[in-house]
Structure formats: structure tokens, C-alpha cells
Protein backbone atom coordinates (compact mmCIF):
# COMPACT_ATOMS: atom_id res chain seq x y z
CA UNK A 1 11.03 59.09 34.10
CA UNK A 2 7.73 57.19 34.10
CA UNK A 3 7.83 56.87 30.31
CA UNK A 4 11.49 55.53 30.59
CA UNK A 5 10.16 53.35 33.30
CA UNK A 6 7.02 51.82 30.88
CA UNK A 7 9.41 51.91 27.92
CA UNK A 8 11.78 48.92 29.86
CA UNK A 9 8.43 47.52 31.16
CA UNK A 10 6.99 47.59 27.12
CA UNK A 11 10.86 45.87 25.99
CA UNK A 12 10.87 42.89 29.04
CA UNK A 13 7.76 42.37 27.81
CA UNK A 14 8.75 41.89 24.57
CA UNK A 15 11.45 39.44 25.00
CA UNK A 16 10.45 36.48 25.72
CA UNK A 17 7.93 36.59 22.45
CA UNK A 18 10.64 37.19 20.50
CA UNK A 19 12.89 34.12 21.91
CA UNK A 20 9.68 32.27 21.59
CA UNK A 21 9.43 33.30 17.68
CA UNK A 22 13.06 32.00 17.63
CA UNK A 23 12.61 28.78 18.94
CA UNK A 24 9.77 27.66 16.58
CA UNK A 25 9.67 25.75 13.33
CA UNK A 26 6.53 26.04 11.47
CA UNK A 27 6.10 22.58 9.71
CA UNK A 28 3.43 21.91 6.63
CA UNK A 29 2.97 18.46 6.04
CA UNK A 30 0.76 15.28 4.66
CA UNK A 31 -1.36 13.46 6.90
CA UNK A 32 0.54 10.47 8.52
CA UNK A 33 3.84 11.44 7.25
CA UNK A 34 6.28 11.80 9.90
CA UNK A 35 6.84 9.63 13.36
CA UNK A 36 5.86 11.37 16.46
CA UNK A 37 8.70 10.05 18.25
CA UNK A 38 11.42 11.72 15.96
CA UNK A 39 9.10 14.97 16.50
CA UNK A 40 9.70 14.60 20.15
CA UNK A 41 13.43 14.13 19.57
CA UNK A 42 13.85 17.12 17.52
CA UNK A 43 12.62 19.04 20.11
CA UNK A 44 14.66 17.62 22.74
CA UNK A 45 17.44 18.22 20.88
CA UNK A 46 17.38 21.37 19.77
CA UNK A 47 14.49 22.88 22.20
CA UNK A 48 13.09 23.76 18.89
CA UNK A 49 9.19 23.13 19.34
CA UNK A 50 7.48 21.63 16.22
CA UNK A 51 4.72 23.75 14.69
CA UNK A 52 3.53 21.00 12.88
CA UNK A 53 0.25 21.59 10.36
CA UNK A 54 -1.27 18.96 7.89
CA UNK A 55 -2.68 18.98 4.39
CA UNK A 56 -4.23 16.02 1.77
CA UNK A 57 -3.05 16.83 -1.28
CA UNK A 58 -0.52 18.88 -3.27
CA UNK A 59 -3.14 21.38 -4.55
CA UNK A 60 -4.45 22.40 -1.43
CA UNK A 61 -1.23 22.49 -0.05
CA UNK A 62 -0.64 25.17 -2.66
CA UNK A 63 -3.30 27.20 -2.14
CA UNK A 64 -2.31 27.62 1.48
CA UNK A 65 1.45 28.01 0.76
CA UNK A 66 0.05 31.34 -1.55
CA UNK A 67 -2.45 32.51 0.15
CA UNK A 68 -0.73 32.46 3.64
CA UNK A 69 2.98 34.30 3.13
CA UNK A 70 5.03 33.25 6.20
CA UNK A 71 2.73 30.49 7.59
CA UNK A 72 5.27 27.71 7.04
CA UNK A 73 8.85 27.34 7.31
CA UNK A 74 9.34 23.70 6.12
CA UNK A 75 6.84 22.45 3.37
CA UNK A 76 6.81 19.41 1.35
CA UNK A 77 5.57 19.11 -2.01
CA UNK A 78 5.77 16.40 -4.98
CA UNK A 79 8.32 16.99 -7.49
CA UNK A 80 6.06 18.76 -10.28
CA UNK A 81 4.76 20.80 -7.16
CA UNK A 82 8.34 21.72 -6.26
CA UNK A 83 9.05 22.68 -9.86
CA UNK A 84 5.99 24.57 -9.97
CA UNK A 85 6.56 26.26 -6.76
CA UNK A 86 10.21 27.15 -8.43
CA UNK A 87 8.85 28.87 -11.42
CA UNK A 88 6.59 30.95 -9.01
CA UNK A 89 9.05 32.60 -7.49
CA UNK A 90 8.24 30.98 -3.71
CA UNK A 91 10.90 29.04 -2.67
CA UNK A 92 14.38 29.51 -0.82
CA UNK A 93 17.02 28.29 -2.25
CA UNK A 94 18.69 25.98 0.30
CA UNK A 95 22.40 27.07 2.31
CA UNK A 96 23.60 23.29 2.30
CA UNK A 97 26.29 24.53 4.84
CA UNK A 98 23.70 24.13 7.26
CA UNK A 99 22.46 20.36 6.05
CA UNK A 100 25.86 18.29 6.42
CA UNK A 101 23.56 15.27 6.38
CA UNK A 102 22.61 15.95 3.04
CA UNK A 103 25.91 13.37 2.17
CA UNK A 104 23.61 10.15 2.82
CA UNK A 105 21.01 10.94 0.37
CA UNK A 106 20.99 8.29 -2.39
CA UNK A 107 23.40 9.24 -5.27
CA UNK A 108 20.12 9.20 -7.34
CA UNK A 109 18.52 11.87 -5.46
CA UNK A 110 21.14 14.26 -5.51
CA UNK A 111 20.63 15.98 -8.52
CA UNK A 112 16.95 16.09 -9.67
CA UNK A 113 15.45 16.67 -13.00
CA UNK A 114 12.92 19.14 -11.67
CA UNK A 115 15.59 21.17 -9.59
CA UNK A 116 18.83 20.52 -11.07
CA UNK A 117 21.47 20.87 -8.34
CA UNK A 118 18.49 20.23 -5.78
CA UNK A 119 18.85 24.10 -4.99
CA UNK A 120 15.34 24.24 -3.29
CA UNK A 121 14.81 21.07 -2.01
CA UNK A 122 15.75 18.17 -0.41
CA UNK A 123 14.26 14.37 -0.86
CA UNK A 124 12.19 12.88 2.18
CA UNK A 125 10.72 10.11 1.00
CA UNK A 126 9.50 8.32 -2.48
CA UNK A 127 7.57 5.59 -3.61
CA UNK A 128 5.29 4.35 -6.55
CA UNK A 129 2.15 3.77 -7.77
CA UNK A 130 0.24 1.12 -7.83
CA UNK A 131 -2.43 -1.65 -7.58
CA UNK A 132 -3.01 -2.63 -4.32
CA UNK A 133 -5.56 -5.98 -4.23
CA UNK A 134 -6.91 -8.82 -2.31
CA UNK A 135 -4.86 -12.39 -3.47
CA UNK A 136 -8.03 -14.44 -2.36
CA UNK A 137 -10.47 -12.61 -5.32
CA UNK A 138 -8.01 -11.00 -7.94
CA UNK A 139 -5.63 -13.75 -9.99
CA UNK A 140 -2.38 -12.56 -9.30
CA UNK A 141 -1.94 -13.02 -13.06
CA UNK A 142 -4.92 -10.30 -13.62
CA UNK A 143 -2.74 -7.43 -11.71
CA UNK A 144 0.12 -7.44 -13.71
CA UNK A 145 -1.27 -5.37 -16.10
CA UNK A 146 -3.41 -1.83 -16.08
CA UNK A 147 -6.08 -3.97 -17.87
CA UNK A 148 -7.32 -5.18 -14.24
CA UNK A 149 -9.27 -2.22 -14.08
CA UNK A 150 -11.64 -2.43 -16.60
CA UNK A 151 -11.85 -6.44 -16.80
CA UNK A 152 -15.12 -7.40 -15.80
CA UNK A 153 -14.97 -9.66 -13.39
CA UNK A 154 -14.02 -7.31 -10.88
CA UNK A 155 -16.95 -4.77 -11.80
CA UNK A 156 -18.02 -2.62 -9.01
CA UNK A 157 -14.69 -3.78 -6.62
CA UNK A 158 -12.46 -1.30 -7.46
CA UNK A 159 -11.49 1.91 -5.79
CA UNK A 160 -10.12 3.97 -7.93
CA UNK A 161 -8.02 7.11 -7.69
CA UNK A 162 -9.76 10.41 -7.43
CA UNK A 163 -6.11 12.22 -8.57
CA UNK A 164 -5.52 14.31 -11.58
CA UNK A 165 -2.55 13.14 -12.44
CA UNK A 166 -2.69 9.42 -11.31
CA UNK A 167 -6.02 8.44 -13.03
CA UNK A 168 -5.05 10.28 -16.18
CA UNK A 169 -1.36 8.74 -15.93
CA UNK A 170 -2.56 5.24 -15.76
CA UNK A 171 -4.90 5.53 -18.22
CA UNK A 172 -1.92 7.42 -20.54
CA UNK A 173 0.45 4.36 -19.69
CA UNK A 174 -1.97 1.67 -20.10
CA UNK A 175 -2.14 3.21 -23.90
CA UNK A 176 1.08 3.23 -24.20
CA UNK A 177 1.66 6.87 -23.51
CA UNK A 178 3.82 9.00 -21.07
CA UNK A 179 2.32 9.62 -17.83
CA UNK A 180 2.96 13.46 -19.04
CA UNK A 181 1.88 13.66 -22.28
CA UNK A 182 1.00 16.40 -24.02
CA UNK A 183 -0.25 15.07 -27.15
CA UNK A 184 -4.27 15.58 -27.09
CA UNK A 185 -5.45 13.30 -29.35
CA UNK A 186 -3.39 10.95 -26.41
CA UNK A 187 -5.31 12.98 -23.36
CA UNK A 188 -7.89 12.52 -25.03
CA UNK A 189 -8.03 8.35 -25.49
CA UNK A 190 -7.22 8.13 -22.28
CA UNK A 191 -10.16 10.10 -20.76
CA UNK A 192 -12.75 8.27 -23.09
CA UNK A 193 -10.88 5.41 -20.88
CA UNK A 194 -12.00 6.69 -17.63
CA UNK A 195 -15.46 7.59 -18.69
CA UNK A 196 -16.16 4.13 -19.96
CA UNK A 197 -14.77 2.61 -17.07
CA UNK A 198 -17.09 4.71 -14.81
CA UNK A 199 -19.86 4.79 -17.29
CA UNK A 200 -20.23 1.23 -17.07
CA UNK A 201 -20.05 0.70 -13.21
CA UNK A 202 -16.32 -0.82 -13.40
CA UNK A 203 -15.46 1.85 -10.22
CA UNK A 204 -17.17 1.00 -6.65
CA UNK A 205 -15.67 5.32 -5.58
CA UNK A 206 -13.75 7.73 -5.75
CA UNK A 207 -10.97 8.56 -3.23
CA UNK A 208 -7.77 8.48 -1.89
CA UNK A 209 -6.34 8.55 1.67
CA UNK A 210 -9.39 5.79 2.77
CA UNK A 211 -8.83 3.10 0.57
CA UNK A 212 -5.89 1.81 2.50
CA UNK A 213 -8.30 0.90 5.36
CA UNK A 214 -11.34 -0.12 3.09
CA UNK A 215 -8.62 -2.59 1.67
CA UNK A 216 -8.00 -4.04 5.42
CA UNK A 217 -11.56 -4.07 5.80
CA UNK A 218 -12.29 -6.29 2.87
CA UNK A 219 -14.55 -3.64 1.03
CA UNK A 220 -13.45 -3.77 -2.04
CA UNK A 221 -10.74 -6.42 -4.07
CA UNK A 222 -8.64 -3.59 -6.04
CA UNK A 223 -7.79 -0.18 -4.75
CA UNK A 224 -4.88 2.14 -6.53
CA UNK A 225 -2.64 3.42 -4.12
CA UNK A 226 0.50 4.96 -3.34
CA UNK A 227 3.61 2.14 -1.97
CA UNK A 228 3.65 3.33 1.55
CA UNK A 229 -0.22 3.18 2.07
CA UNK A 230 -0.33 -0.60 0.30
CA UNK A 231 2.85 -1.67 2.70
CA UNK A 232 0.02 -0.23 5.42
CA UNK A 233 -2.71 -2.22 4.06
CA UNK A 234 -0.27 -5.30 3.90
CA UNK A 235 0.72 -5.20 7.18
CA UNK A 236 -2.77 -5.30 8.40
CA UNK A 237 -4.47 -8.05 5.78
CA UNK A 238 -2.25 -10.74 4.83
CA UNK A 239 -4.67 -11.21 1.73
CA UNK A 240 -3.36 -8.29 0.52
CA UNK A 241 -0.80 -7.46 -2.28
CA UNK A 242 0.69 -5.37 -4.39
CA UNK A 243 1.93 -4.80 -7.78
CA UNK A 244 3.44 -2.54 -10.22
CA UNK A 245 1.69 -3.06 -13.48
CA UNK A 246 4.38 -4.47 -16.52
CA UNK A 247 3.67 -1.03 -18.32
CA UNK A 248 4.90 1.34 -15.95
CA UNK A 249 3.89 3.36 -13.79
CA UNK A 250 4.42 6.35 -11.52
CA UNK A 251 7.44 6.91 -9.05
CA UNK A 252 7.39 9.68 -7.29
CA UNK A 253 9.58 12.11 -4.79
CA UNK A 254 8.19 13.60 -1.97
CA UNK A 255 10.61 16.49 -0.57
CA UNK A 256 11.14 19.29 1.92
CA UNK A 257 11.85 23.01 0.74
CA UNK A 258 11.05 26.47 2.41
CA UNK A 259 9.34 29.01 0.84
CA UNK A 260 10.94 32.42 0.19
CA UNK A 261 8.62 34.00 3.64
CA UNK A 262 9.66 31.44 5.68
CA UNK A 263 10.40 33.43 8.81
CA UNK A 264 12.66 30.55 10.70
CA UNK A 265 15.11 29.90 8.09
CA UNK A 266 17.53 28.92 9.89
CA UNK A 267 15.22 26.54 12.49
CA UNK A 268 13.78 25.02 9.18
CA UNK A 269 17.52 24.21 7.96
CA UNK A 270 18.00 22.83 11.24
CA UNK A 271 14.93 20.46 11.23
CA UNK A 272 15.65 19.31 7.30
CA UNK A 273 19.00 18.37 8.13
CA UNK A 274 17.73 16.50 11.50
CA UNK A 275 15.57 14.60 9.09
CA UNK A 276 18.31 13.30 6.34
CA UNK A 277 20.44 12.02 9.72
CA UNK A 278 20.76 7.92 8.96
CA UNK A 279 18.55 7.11 12.49
CA UNK A 280 15.72 9.61 11.98
CA UNK A 281 15.19 8.97 8.20
CA UNK A 282 14.84 5.24 9.26
CA UNK A 283 12.89 5.79 12.26
CA UNK A 284 10.53 7.51 9.70
CA UNK A 285 10.37 5.47 7.02
CA UNK A 286 9.69 2.28 9.68
CA UNK A 287 6.89 4.26 11.07
CA UNK A 288 4.96 5.35 7.72
CA UNK A 289 5.71 2.55 5.16
CA UNK A 290 7.28 4.57 2.80
CA UNK A 291 11.09 4.46 0.56
CA UNK A 292 13.71 6.12 1.95
CA UNK A 293 16.20 8.12 -0.18
CA UNK A 294 18.35 7.64 2.54
CA UNK A 295 20.95 5.29 1.73
CA UNK A 296 22.82 4.59 5.58
CA UNK A 297 19.14 5.06 6.48
CA UNK A 298 18.25 1.52 4.36
CA UNK A 299 20.81 -0.25 6.25
CA UNK A 300 19.65 0.30 9.53
CA UNK A 301 16.33 -0.76 8.60
CA UNK A 302 15.64 -4.76 8.76
CA UNK A 303 15.57 -7.17 5.98
CA UNK A 304 12.02 -7.96 5.30
CA UNK A 305 12.28 -3.91 4.69
CA UNK A 306 15.59 -3.82 2.62
CA UNK A 307 13.77 -6.57 0.70
CA UNK A 308 11.14 -5.60 0.16
CA UNK A 309 9.49 -4.61 -3.65
CA UNK A 310 6.94 -2.33 -2.07
CA UNK A 311 8.91 -0.34 0.28
CA UNK A 312 12.50 -1.24 -1.70
CA UNK A 313 11.40 -1.26 -5.05
CA UNK A 314 14.24 -2.95 -7.71
CA UNK A 315 15.91 -1.45 -10.20
CA UNK A 316 13.74 -3.48 -12.86
CA UNK A 317 10.42 -1.87 -11.00
CA UNK A 318 12.05 1.37 -11.31
CA UNK A 319 12.79 1.74 -14.74
CA UNK A 320 9.29 1.35 -16.35
CA UNK A 321 8.71 4.06 -13.84
CA UNK A 322 7.87 7.75 -14.85
CA UNK A 323 8.25 11.07 -12.56
CA UNK A 324 5.97 13.74 -12.97
CA UNK A 325 6.62 17.20 -14.79
CA UNK A 326 4.80 20.06 -14.25
CA UNK A 327 2.32 21.15 -17.11
CA UNK A 328 2.20 24.81 -18.11
CA UNK A 329 -0.77 26.58 -17.62
CA UNK A 330 -2.22 25.87 -21.12
CA UNK A 331 -2.11 21.90 -20.62
CA UNK A 332 -3.17 21.98 -16.83
CA UNK A 333 -6.50 23.50 -17.96
CA UNK A 334 -6.45 20.56 -21.19
CA UNK A 335 -5.85 18.22 -18.28
CA UNK A 336 -8.68 19.17 -15.85
CA UNK A 337 -11.24 20.09 -18.47
CA UNK A 338 -10.83 16.46 -19.55
CA UNK A 339 -10.70 15.28 -15.65
CA UNK A 340 -14.22 17.03 -15.22
CA UNK A 341 -15.52 15.08 -18.04
CA UNK A 342 -14.86 12.13 -15.73
CA UNK A 343 -15.89 13.07 -12.88
CA UNK A 344 -18.97 14.25 -14.48
CA UNK A 345 -19.95 11.13 -16.12
CA UNK A 346 -23.14 8.56 -14.78
CA UNK A 347 -22.88 5.38 -14.12
CA UNK A 348 -25.38 3.85 -17.02
CA UNK A 349 -28.25 1.79 -15.79
């Protein structure tokens, strides 16, 4: 009898824990990449608590995802990382019966080249890579091409992105090559450009997220940034402007994916469906300043957002941009080795 009572007590104690576990979704997203209002609204409407965790770059995210199976239910990688995670078998197929709001996605985001049929990803935000510049220091004509990053007029006033694909991509683009090049001679030439840029003191600093605040504070004349960071900075400093150079650049897409090890897949799909709702997508786009792939959400935003080439780039701008594709292990090692040369370059005195 005592054994039975103990068993029943243990079972009773476990029930609330299981119930709580069913009502959580573990989200792994970029820094400052969702409106707190949206998170609160999701919990209010569904009763599902959001355990929100942050990362700062794709590589950090992928390492954590592989090292912690079951820790995350929804993750937000960029397009080339979606491709890599798919190759490794780390992503679950999405059940679109549970995501009816996907109907609001723009047509050009519904069949991504890196994931045909969007079987494993739902686009969340997108944008461009370009030049944020101070109009009181930099001539507008100079920033129309990537050449400005090697223009001695702005020596020591350039903030260069410390990102393998972005830095190499810019140099490749300046030379007229694809940002996805797997031609060693082209990569060698791009590396030499970046080495010369650093060696001659053109670059004030290498970094990532901190650039938008440095530009707001007038600490540099030029910075390489993502369009959402540019929008944030422009709103705080009227002297700043943003451009995608004429040679072209990267257009990137960050998507919601579900790891194959997710413990709360149904809640993950509820969360993704919620993000695809036009009013919620509009809240997030307005809060973080990036481009929304949600056609109906854009209609809910003001004319300033709709008409801005930063938050809603024209077809002309997009026509000269490329999406990054994933590299196989051999070429990824080549990129890493070459970019390490840039890192190890000393400024000439």
C-alpha cells in the first residue's frame, strides 16, 4: 500500500513538470532580432512560454546547435547555413499544415534556391550588405562603388566587417567576380586586395554589430553594415546614408528552421506561424529595421518604410545582388586560410 501511495505521489509530482515542458518553445535567434512586444503577445495568445536565447554569428550558432542536441526548437540561420545544416541532416522538414500564415510570404521567397520548396525553412527577415557613410565627410559619388574602401581620402576612417564571406565577397565583387567564387586565382586576388587595405592603414577597425553605434557617434566616416543596422543608425543620426554599390553586393535571407532534435516541434511550428502573421511581421520589421518577406506586412507599414531603399530595396538594387551559397569543406578551408592572412597582416609604419 505504501509503495502504491509513493508511486502515485511521484506521478502526481511529475505531471506539472511534463505540462510545463509541453508549453515552452526554445528559440535561438540573433541579437536584437525580434520585438519584445511580439514575444509577449505570443505567450499571451497561446500560453506557450518563449525561452529566448541569442547568438552573434552563424558559425557560433552552428557550433552550439551541433553541441547541444535538443536544446533548441526554432533557430534562425542565414541562407548558406540553412544549406549546410540540411546537408548534415540537422533540420526537420516543416509541416506546413501547421503554418497556414505562410500564404502571406512574397512569391519570390517561397522556393529558395538553397532549399527547394522551402521544405526546411521559412524566411523571416532579409536585407542587403552595403556602405553606411557620413554625408558630411564622404562624397556621395565616392560611395557608389566598392573602390571607396581603398580610397586614400578616407584612410583610417573605415570600419571593415570582420566576416569571412562578407569581407571576401566585397573584394571579389570589386574585382568583378562572383561573391560565391570557387576559383583560386580570383580568391587570391581578393585576398591581396584585403591585405593591402589593412597594411596601408585604410581600416580603422574590424568588427560587426558595434559599427552602427560607432557611426551614430561619428567615430568613423564609413562602415560596412547590414541594411537593418544602417536603418537603425540613420534614424539616430541624420548625417548618415546607406548605399549598395554599383558592382553589386550580397542579399541575405535569415530563416526560421526547426532542428531535427527539437523537443517541442508543434510549439515551434506555432511560433513560426505566429511570426508569419502580417500584423506580427509588421511589428518585428518596424522594431528591428530589416526587410520583411511578408507581402501583407509591408502594406501595414508606413510609406517611409515602403519607399526606403534601405528597408524595401528596389528590383534594380536586387538585380545586382547575390545570395551566398554554402561552400563544400575544401573551399571553406581555402576561404578560411586566405582570410587568416588578412587577420595576421600588420599595418605598415
